[in-house]
Amino acid sequence: MIIEAGQVAVVTGAAQGLGRALAAGLLDRGVSVALADTAQERLRDTAEAFTAGGGQVLPVVTDVADAAAVRALASRTLEHFGRVDVVVNNAGITAHHVRPLWQADLEDWRRVLAVNLLGAVHGIRAFVPHLAAAGAGHVVNIASLAGLMAVPFGSAYCASKHAVVAISETLRAELDMMRLPIGVTVVCPGYVRTPMTEGMVTLLQAGDDTQLAERLPAGFSTEQVEQVRARLEGMVTMMEPDVAAERIIAAVEADRLYALTHGDVEDSVRRRVEGILAALG
């Protein structure tokens, strides 16, 4: 799908980070954008900044975990702009606690799945019927590299992002079978410099491992903490959000199902795929 002036996009989690960068990239191309987020003041400030730059935006305070709120977002967008062309299900959170799966807090599980997985489901349910009626459009679901590989001590987040990859693949297959001309792109970025990832950078830049150890399960030895640090340092190649946003928009325009923003993760993805293929004998 070619992104061009006159189109309308909806971006959730748009007040900061990757969501804001995606909105900015779309606005630069003349697209009007409905900005959705739970952070009311930050959303207002973001909308004001975009408007001052000449962008056409509609800020809508929205909790994507609430299906009715996402339906209301769709209604307000259509009432205000008269159309929707691109839907970006970007809003996401991480768990409060870093624990092994068998000790993970169930409330963390419910909260993470409600936002990361059901938030995308709610967006699909609210907007795809309108895209289908219009006969064109594109759905962008922001997953993570955690949707393609294991993330120790991040089971809820990892499961939610694997599920976002799965529903994106399923949605694409369903749309193809029903011959509906709607594109789907699932994005699996590595670490993008956002408020959600800055905390990890702070931990890794600390002079010692005290803060990192405090985030890990009780009883970790010094050697185990060092192993975690080494693993994280190997994963953390921070990308600026505007760079990631441009790569995502390019993937949409190329109608790619999968979009990986970070080129240095090939080995990690390859190991998983080769492990699956090896099981076939």
Protein backbone atom coordinates (compact mmCIF):
# COMPACT_ATOMS: atom_id res chain seq x y z
CA MET A 1 0.00 0.00 0.00
CA ILE A 2 1.43 3.36 -0.99
CA ILE A 3 1.26 5.91 1.82
CA GLU A 4 0.18 9.26 0.43
CA ALA A 5 -1.39 12.58 1.30
CA GLY A 6 -5.11 12.54 1.99
CA GLN A 7 -5.11 9.20 3.76
CA VAL A 8 -6.03 8.72 7.42
CA ALA A 9 -4.18 6.58 9.94
CA VAL A 10 -4.87 5.53 13.50
CA VAL A 11 -1.91 4.99 15.82
CA THR A 12 -2.30 3.63 19.35
CA GLY A 13 0.34 4.30 21.96
CA ALA A 14 1.00 7.48 19.99
CA ALA A 15 1.98 9.89 22.75
CA GLN A 16 5.63 8.87 22.89
CA GLY A 17 8.28 6.47 21.64
CA LEU A 18 7.77 4.42 18.50
CA GLY A 19 4.07 5.33 18.25
CA ARG A 20 4.86 9.03 18.18
CA ALA A 21 7.62 8.47 15.62
CA LEU A 22 5.25 6.48 13.39
CA ALA A 23 2.65 9.23 13.64
CA ALA A 24 5.31 11.81 12.73
CA GLY A 25 6.43 9.78 9.72
CA LEU A 26 2.87 9.48 8.48
CA LEU A 27 2.17 13.18 9.03
CA ASP A 28 5.31 14.04 7.05
CA ARG A 29 3.69 12.21 4.12
CA GLY A 30 0.49 14.25 4.37
CA VAL A 31 -1.51 11.60 6.22
CA SER A 32 -3.99 12.73 8.88
CA VAL A 33 -3.59 10.79 12.12
CA ALA A 34 -5.86 9.86 15.00
CA LEU A 35 -3.57 9.66 18.03
CA ALA A 36 -4.64 7.25 20.78
CA ASP A 37 -3.04 6.82 24.19
CA THR A 38 -3.94 6.48 27.86
CA ALA A 39 -1.60 9.30 28.97
CA GLN A 40 -3.94 12.27 28.62
CA GLU A 41 -1.50 15.14 29.21
CA ARG A 42 1.29 13.61 27.14
CA LEU A 43 -1.19 12.92 24.34
CA ARG A 44 -2.37 16.52 24.43
CA ASP A 45 1.20 17.82 24.28
CA THR A 46 2.03 15.51 21.38
CA ALA A 47 -1.08 16.59 19.47
CA GLU A 48 -0.28 20.26 20.05
CA ALA A 49 3.27 19.78 18.79
CA PHE A 50 2.06 18.03 15.64
CA THR A 51 -0.62 20.67 15.03
CA ALA A 52 1.94 23.45 15.42
CA GLY A 53 3.95 21.74 12.70
CA GLY A 54 0.97 21.76 10.35
CA GLY A 55 -0.24 18.21 10.93
CA GLN A 56 -3.89 17.20 10.94
CA VAL A 57 -4.42 15.14 14.09
CA LEU A 58 -7.20 13.96 16.37
CA PRO A 59 -6.13 13.04 19.93
CA VAL A 60 -8.37 10.44 21.57
CA VAL A 61 -7.67 9.16 25.07
CA THR A 62 -8.03 5.39 24.65
CA ASP A 63 -7.33 2.31 26.73
CA VAL A 64 -6.84 -0.40 24.12
CA ALA A 65 -7.57 -3.08 26.72
CA ASP A 66 -11.17 -1.81 26.66
CA ALA A 67 -13.00 -3.03 23.55
CA ALA A 68 -15.68 -0.35 23.88
CA ALA A 69 -13.03 2.37 24.05
CA VAL A 70 -11.43 1.13 20.82
CA ARG A 71 -14.82 1.02 19.11
CA ALA A 72 -15.34 4.61 20.24
CA LEU A 73 -11.93 5.48 18.78
CA ALA A 74 -13.05 4.08 15.44
CA SER A 75 -16.30 6.03 15.56
CA ARG A 76 -14.58 9.32 16.43
CA THR A 77 -11.97 8.84 13.72
CA LEU A 78 -14.60 8.21 11.05
CA GLU A 79 -16.77 11.08 12.26
CA HIS A 80 -13.83 13.49 12.24
CA PHE A 81 -11.93 12.42 9.12
CA GLY A 82 -14.54 10.45 7.18
CA ARG A 83 -12.24 7.52 6.41
CA VAL A 84 -9.54 5.20 7.75
CA ASP A 85 -6.74 3.75 5.63
CA VAL A 86 -4.04 2.53 8.02
CA VAL A 87 -4.42 1.11 11.53
CA VAL A 88 -1.31 0.81 13.70
CA ASN A 89 -1.83 -1.32 16.81
CA ASN A 90 1.25 -0.13 18.66
CA ALA A 91 0.27 0.28 22.32
CA GLY A 92 2.18 -2.11 24.57
CA ILE A 93 3.49 -2.61 28.09
CA THR A 94 5.91 -4.84 29.96
CA ALA A 95 5.39 -6.75 33.20
CA HIS A 96 6.08 -5.05 36.52
CA HIS A 97 8.15 -7.96 37.81
CA VAL A 98 11.09 -9.94 36.44
CA ARG A 99 10.53 -13.53 37.52
CA PRO A 100 10.72 -17.09 36.19
CA LEU A 101 7.48 -18.33 34.67
CA TRP A 102 6.44 -20.41 37.67
CA GLN A 103 6.77 -17.36 39.94
CA ALA A 104 5.32 -14.80 37.56
CA ASP A 105 2.52 -12.66 38.96
CA LEU A 106 -0.85 -13.60 37.46
CA GLU A 107 -1.99 -9.99 37.56
CA ASP A 108 1.04 -9.12 35.42
CA TRP A 109 -0.08 -11.80 32.96
CA ARG A 110 -3.63 -10.43 32.79
CA ARG A 111 -2.46 -6.84 32.38
CA VAL A 112 0.14 -7.59 29.70
CA LEU A 113 -2.18 -9.82 27.65
CA ALA A 114 -5.03 -7.31 27.95
CA VAL A 115 -2.95 -4.51 26.43
CA ASN A 116 -0.49 -6.26 24.13
CA LEU A 117 -2.69 -9.02 22.71
CA LEU A 118 -6.31 -8.01 23.22
CA GLY A 119 -5.42 -4.41 22.40
CA ALA A 120 -4.44 -5.57 18.91
CA VAL A 121 -7.51 -7.82 18.69
CA HIS A 122 -9.75 -4.91 19.66
CA GLY A 123 -8.13 -2.75 16.98
CA ILE A 124 -8.64 -5.41 14.33
CA ARG A 125 -12.27 -5.96 15.32
CA ALA A 126 -13.05 -2.23 15.39
CA PHE A 127 -11.34 -1.17 12.16
CA VAL A 128 -11.12 -4.08 9.70
CA PRO A 129 -14.87 -3.96 8.87
CA HIS A 130 -14.41 -0.32 7.81
CA LEU A 131 -11.32 -1.15 5.74
CA ALA A 132 -13.23 -4.00 4.10
CA ALA A 133 -16.16 -1.72 3.29
CA ALA A 134 -13.78 0.81 1.75
CA GLY A 135 -12.07 -1.91 -0.27
CA ALA A 136 -8.54 -1.01 0.81
CA GLY A 137 -6.33 -0.47 3.81
CA HIS A 138 -3.50 -1.83 5.91
CA VAL A 139 -3.20 -3.18 9.45
CA VAL A 140 0.12 -2.84 11.25
CA ASN A 141 0.60 -4.82 14.45
CA ILE A 142 3.66 -4.00 16.53
CA ALA A 143 5.02 -7.18 18.08
CA SER A 144 8.69 -7.57 19.07
CA LEU A 145 11.71 -9.77 18.61
CA ALA A 146 10.25 -11.35 21.73
CA GLY A 147 7.58 -12.65 19.37
CA LEU A 148 10.19 -14.70 17.54
CA MET A 149 12.40 -15.99 20.34
CA ALA A 150 12.45 -16.80 24.04
CA VAL A 151 12.91 -14.03 26.60
CA PRO A 152 13.92 -15.49 29.99
CA PHE A 153 12.06 -13.91 32.92
CA GLY A 154 9.69 -12.14 30.55
CA SER A 155 7.14 -14.90 29.96
CA ALA A 156 4.01 -12.74 29.83
CA TYR A 157 5.53 -10.20 27.46
CA CYS A 158 7.08 -12.93 25.31
CA ALA A 159 3.80 -14.87 25.09
CA SER A 160 1.84 -11.74 24.21
CA LYS A 161 4.20 -10.85 21.38
CA HIS A 162 4.29 -14.40 19.99
CA ALA A 163 0.50 -14.20 19.96
CA VAL A 164 0.55 -10.88 18.08
CA VAL A 165 2.69 -12.52 15.40
CA ALA A 166 0.23 -15.43 15.24
CA ILE A 167 -2.90 -13.30 14.94
CA SER A 168 -1.22 -11.21 12.25
CA GLU A 169 -0.38 -14.31 10.22
CA THR A 170 -3.92 -15.57 10.73
CA LEU A 171 -5.47 -12.24 9.75
CA ARG A 172 -3.38 -12.11 6.58
CA ALA A 173 -4.45 -15.66 5.64
CA GLU A 174 -8.12 -14.90 6.32
CA LEU A 175 -8.08 -11.69 4.28
CA ASP A 176 -6.38 -13.50 1.39
CA MET A 177 -8.91 -16.35 1.47
CA MET A 178 -11.80 -13.87 1.53
CA ARG A 179 -10.15 -11.83 -1.24
CA LEU A 180 -10.26 -8.65 0.77
CA PRO A 181 -7.61 -6.17 -0.42
CA ILE A 182 -6.27 -5.30 3.02
CA GLY A 183 -2.58 -5.60 3.83
CA VAL A 184 -1.13 -6.83 7.11
CA THR A 185 2.32 -6.17 8.51
CA VAL A 186 3.58 -7.51 11.82
CA VAL A 187 6.60 -5.64 13.12
CA CYS A 188 9.21 -7.38 15.27
CA PRO A 189 11.60 -4.63 16.34
CA GLY A 190 14.61 -5.04 18.56
CA TYR A 191 15.36 -2.41 21.15
CA VAL A 192 14.13 1.02 20.09
CA ARG A 193 15.04 4.00 22.24
CA THR A 194 11.78 4.70 24.05
CA PRO A 195 10.80 5.40 27.66
CA MET A 196 9.98 1.68 28.00
CA THR A 197 13.53 0.63 27.06
CA GLU A 198 15.51 3.46 28.64
CA GLY A 199 15.26 1.73 32.02
CA MET A 200 17.18 -1.24 30.63
CA VAL A 201 19.90 1.06 29.33
CA THR A 202 20.19 2.69 32.75
CA LEU A 203 20.62 -0.71 34.39
CA LEU A 204 23.34 -1.73 31.95
CA GLN A 205 25.18 1.57 32.27
CA ALA A 206 25.31 1.40 36.07
CA GLY A 207 28.79 1.02 37.52
CA ASP A 208 27.95 -2.27 39.20
CA ASP A 209 25.31 -4.98 38.98
CA THR A 210 23.44 -4.03 42.17
CA GLN A 211 20.45 -2.50 40.40
CA LEU A 212 20.30 -5.31 37.87
CA ALA A 213 20.41 -7.93 40.64
CA GLU A 214 17.50 -6.20 42.38
CA ARG A 215 15.35 -6.72 39.28
CA LEU A 216 16.18 -10.43 39.01
CA PRO A 217 14.72 -13.34 41.00
CA ALA A 218 16.00 -13.68 44.55
CA GLY A 219 18.94 -16.00 45.01
CA PHE A 220 20.78 -15.26 41.77
CA SER A 221 24.53 -15.69 42.20
CA THR A 222 27.03 -13.09 41.03
CA GLU A 223 27.89 -15.36 38.12
CA GLN A 224 24.23 -15.67 37.10
CA VAL A 225 23.76 -11.89 37.22
CA GLU A 226 26.83 -11.47 35.00
CA GLN A 227 25.37 -13.99 32.54
CA VAL A 228 22.12 -12.00 32.38
CA ARG A 229 24.08 -8.80 31.80
CA ALA A 230 26.06 -10.41 28.98
CA ARG A 231 22.85 -11.65 27.34
CA LEU A 232 21.17 -8.24 27.60
CA GLU A 233 24.21 -6.38 26.31
CA GLY A 234 24.20 -8.70 23.31
CA MET A 235 20.56 -7.82 22.63
CA VAL A 236 20.67 -4.09 23.26
CA THR A 237 21.45 -2.29 20.02
CA MET A 238 19.35 0.79 20.47
CA MET A 239 17.72 2.26 17.39
CA GLU A 240 16.23 5.73 17.31
CA PRO A 241 12.43 5.58 16.96
CA ASP A 242 12.34 7.71 13.80
CA VAL A 243 14.69 5.27 12.05
CA ALA A 244 12.52 2.31 13.08
CA ALA A 245 9.40 4.18 11.96
CA GLU A 246 10.79 4.78 8.47
CA ARG A 247 11.63 1.08 8.11
CA ILE A 248 8.12 0.13 9.21
CA ILE A 249 6.49 2.51 6.74
CA ALA A 250 8.71 1.08 3.99
CA ALA A 251 7.53 -2.44 4.92
CA VAL A 252 3.90 -1.31 4.67
CA GLU A 253 4.50 0.20 1.24
CA ALA A 254 6.17 -3.04 0.14
CA ASP A 255 3.19 -5.01 1.52
CA ARG A 256 5.51 -7.21 3.59
CA LEU A 257 3.92 -9.46 6.19
CA TYR A 258 7.00 -9.44 8.41
CA ALA A 259 9.05 -6.36 9.26
CA LEU A 260 12.25 -6.69 11.28
CA THR A 261 13.82 -3.31 11.95
CA HIS A 262 17.12 -4.59 13.33
CA GLY A 263 19.44 -6.42 10.94
CA ASP A 264 21.74 -7.74 13.69
CA VAL A 265 19.27 -10.35 14.96
CA GLU A 266 19.50 -12.76 12.04
CA ASP A 267 21.44 -15.37 14.02
CA SER A 268 18.89 -15.43 16.84
CA VAL A 269 15.97 -15.86 14.45
CA ARG A 270 17.84 -18.41 12.36
CA ARG A 271 18.62 -20.60 15.40
CA ARG A 272 14.93 -20.88 16.26
CA VAL A 273 13.84 -21.66 12.72
CA GLU A 274 16.62 -24.19 12.22
CA GLY A 275 15.67 -25.87 15.49
CA ILE A 276 12.11 -26.29 14.26
CA LEU A 277 13.24 -27.57 10.86
CA ALA A 278 15.61 -30.04 12.53
CA ALA A 279 12.66 -31.55 14.39
CA LEU A 280 11.18 -32.55 11.03
CA GLY A 281 14.01 -35.01 10.61
